[in-house]
Amino acid sequence: MSDAVDPECERLRQYLLAGCSSDPYLLALWFVDPLHRVPGNPEAEESQLPFEHLDVCQQCERWFYDTVPSEALKRQARMLQYCCSSMFASVEEWERRQVNRFAYSIYPTGDVCWSIDGRPTFASYCPWCSARLPDKPFISSPDWPNGKG
C-alpha cells in the first residue's frame, strides 16, 4: 500500500490543522463537538466535511488518531459535560491549573453543597458562565474527581 496522500485528503487535513492552529486539544474538541465554533472557520456545512471524511477514509482516520492523543479526546469529551471550560478546570484540573477548587458534596443536613476550596458555599450558579449548578455531579461515575459519583 502506498504512503501517498490523496490531494483531497491532504486538503481536508490542512483545513483541520489550520482550523485549530495545529493544537491537538482544539482538534479533539472540534472532533467530539463538531458544532463547536472554531474561530476563523466557516459555521456552514463546510466545517463538517472533514469529519464526515474521517468516517469513510481509513488513511485519514489513522492520521487523525496519530495526530490527536487519546487523552485529549477523553478530556474534551469530559469537558463537554460541564457548564463551561472554567468549571471543568476548577473541578477536574484545579491543582494543575492553580485555580480555585469546586467540589460537589452532600451537606450533613442532606442538602446539595458546592464548595469552593473546601469551604461549603452552597453556590447555585457558576461564577464564570452563570449557569445554574446541577444538584448532582456534572459527571456521575465512581472516578469523578470528588469520588462521589
Protein backbone atom coordinates (compact mmCIF):
# COMPACT_ATOMS: atom_id res chain seq x y z
CA MET A 1 0.00 0.00 0.00
CA SER A 2 1.34 3.40 -0.98
CA ASP A 3 2.02 6.14 1.56
CA ALA A 4 0.98 8.78 -0.98
CA VAL A 5 -1.76 11.04 0.31
CA ASP A 6 -4.67 11.84 -1.92
CA PRO A 7 -4.81 15.61 -2.64
CA GLU A 8 -8.35 15.85 -1.23
CA CYS A 9 -7.23 14.08 1.96
CA GLU A 10 -4.32 16.49 2.28
CA ARG A 11 -6.62 19.48 1.75
CA LEU A 12 -9.02 18.29 4.47
CA ARG A 13 -6.16 17.54 6.88
CA GLN A 14 -4.73 21.01 6.35
CA TYR A 15 -8.18 22.50 6.87
CA LEU A 16 -8.43 20.72 10.23
CA LEU A 17 -4.94 21.71 11.33
CA ALA A 18 -5.40 25.33 10.27
CA GLY A 19 -8.78 25.48 11.99
CA CYS A 20 -7.28 24.58 15.34
CA SER A 21 -3.86 26.21 14.95
CA SER A 22 -2.36 22.69 14.96
CA ASP A 23 -3.37 22.27 18.62
CA PRO A 24 -4.38 18.62 19.10
CA TYR A 25 -6.60 19.53 22.08
CA LEU A 26 -8.58 22.01 19.98
CA LEU A 27 -8.79 19.46 17.20
CA ALA A 28 -10.07 16.92 19.75
CA LEU A 29 -12.69 19.40 20.98
CA TRP A 30 -13.80 20.06 17.41
CA PHE A 31 -13.99 16.30 16.82
CA VAL A 32 -16.07 15.46 19.90
CA ASP A 33 -18.30 18.51 19.31
CA PRO A 34 -18.38 19.22 15.55
CA LEU A 35 -20.79 22.10 16.13
CA HIS A 36 -18.20 23.81 18.33
CA ARG A 37 -17.40 27.14 16.71
CA VAL A 38 -13.72 27.32 15.81
CA PRO A 39 -12.72 30.97 15.23
CA GLY A 40 -11.73 31.63 11.66
CA ASN A 41 -13.60 28.64 10.24
CA PRO A 42 -16.94 28.80 8.50
CA GLU A 43 -20.01 27.94 10.51
CA ALA A 44 -21.53 26.27 7.48
CA GLU A 45 -21.60 22.65 6.47
CA GLU A 46 -18.06 23.01 5.11
CA SER A 47 -16.67 22.57 8.62
CA GLN A 48 -18.43 19.17 8.84
CA LEU A 49 -16.88 17.76 5.66
CA PRO A 50 -13.51 16.78 7.17
CA PHE A 51 -15.22 14.84 9.97
CA GLU A 52 -17.55 13.10 7.53
CA HIS A 53 -14.46 12.23 5.50
CA LEU A 54 -12.77 10.71 8.58
CA ASP A 55 -15.71 8.29 8.82
CA VAL A 56 -15.07 6.88 5.35
CA CYS A 57 -11.31 7.22 4.82
CA GLN A 58 -9.18 4.78 6.81
CA GLN A 59 -5.97 6.60 5.91
CA CYS A 60 -7.28 9.91 7.27
CA GLU A 61 -8.79 8.22 10.30
CA ARG A 62 -5.35 6.74 11.08
CA TRP A 63 -3.77 10.18 10.56
CA PHE A 64 -6.28 11.73 12.95
CA TYR A 65 -5.65 9.22 15.75
CA ASP A 66 -1.89 9.56 15.23
CA THR A 67 -2.24 13.36 15.48
CA VAL A 68 -4.64 13.60 18.42
CA PRO A 69 -3.68 11.83 21.66
CA SER A 70 -6.42 9.64 23.13
CA GLU A 71 -6.18 11.56 26.43
CA ALA A 72 -7.07 14.75 24.52
CA LEU A 73 -10.23 13.12 23.17
CA LYS A 74 -11.19 11.84 26.63
CA ARG A 75 -10.52 15.22 28.25
CA GLN A 76 -12.52 17.18 25.71
CA ALA A 77 -15.44 14.75 25.87
CA ARG A 78 -15.49 15.11 29.68
CA MET A 79 -15.27 18.89 29.43
CA LEU A 80 -18.45 18.98 27.35
CA GLN A 81 -20.33 17.53 30.34
CA TYR A 82 -19.69 20.75 32.31
CA CYS A 83 -21.43 24.09 32.01
CA CYS A 84 -18.19 25.72 30.81
CA SER A 85 -14.46 25.04 30.47
CA SER A 86 -13.66 27.13 33.55
CA MET A 87 -15.91 24.98 35.75
CA PHE A 88 -14.33 21.87 34.25
CA ALA A 89 -10.88 23.18 35.13
CA SER A 90 -11.92 24.08 38.67
CA VAL A 91 -13.38 20.62 39.31
CA GLU A 92 -11.04 18.33 37.41
CA GLU A 93 -7.81 20.27 36.88
CA TRP A 94 -7.73 22.76 39.76
CA GLU A 95 -4.39 21.63 41.11
CA ARG A 96 -2.56 21.61 37.77
CA ARG A 97 -4.11 24.90 36.68
CA GLN A 98 -3.76 26.51 40.12
CA VAL A 99 -7.36 27.71 40.26
CA ASN A 100 -9.99 27.59 42.97
CA ARG A 101 -11.34 24.09 43.52
CA PHE A 102 -15.07 23.50 43.14
CA ALA A 103 -16.41 20.28 44.62
CA TYR A 104 -19.82 18.67 44.91
CA SER A 105 -20.94 17.11 48.17
CA ILE A 106 -23.99 16.42 50.26
CA TYR A 107 -24.06 18.57 53.38
CA PRO A 108 -24.85 16.80 56.71
CA THR A 109 -28.41 18.16 56.50
CA GLY A 110 -28.86 16.32 53.20
CA ASP A 111 -28.66 19.46 51.09
CA VAL A 112 -26.58 19.64 47.92
CA CYS A 113 -23.47 21.68 48.55
CA TRP A 114 -20.96 23.04 46.08
CA SER A 115 -17.87 24.03 48.00
CA ILE A 116 -15.00 26.26 46.96
CA ASP A 117 -11.54 25.35 48.21
CA GLY A 118 -13.05 23.01 50.79
CA ARG A 119 -15.43 25.59 52.27
CA PRO A 120 -19.18 24.94 51.91
CA THR A 121 -20.68 27.79 49.91
CA PHE A 122 -23.96 26.35 48.66
CA ALA A 123 -23.19 28.08 45.36
CA SER A 124 -26.15 27.87 42.99
CA TYR A 125 -24.64 29.41 39.87
CA CYS A 126 -21.37 29.06 38.01
CA PRO A 127 -19.21 32.13 38.69
CA TRP A 128 -17.87 32.04 35.12
CA CYS A 129 -20.85 31.39 32.86
CA SER A 130 -23.76 32.00 35.26
CA ALA A 131 -25.35 28.63 34.51
CA ARG A 132 -27.35 27.09 37.33
CA LEU A 133 -25.25 24.41 39.01
CA PRO A 134 -26.74 20.91 38.97
CA ASP A 135 -27.94 19.16 42.10
CA LYS A 136 -25.59 16.28 41.31
CA PRO A 137 -22.02 15.96 39.99
CA PHE A 138 -21.53 17.06 36.40
CA ILE A 139 -20.37 13.52 35.64
CA SER A 140 -21.86 10.62 37.59
CA SER A 141 -19.21 7.96 37.83
CA PRO A 142 -17.05 6.43 40.53
CA ASP A 143 -13.97 8.05 39.01
CA TRP A 144 -15.41 11.56 39.27
CA PRO A 145 -12.77 13.83 40.86
CA ASN A 146 -14.62 14.04 44.18
CA GLY A 147 -15.18 10.29 44.27
CA LYS A 148 -18.89 10.89 44.86
CA GLY A 149 -20.35 9.84 41.54
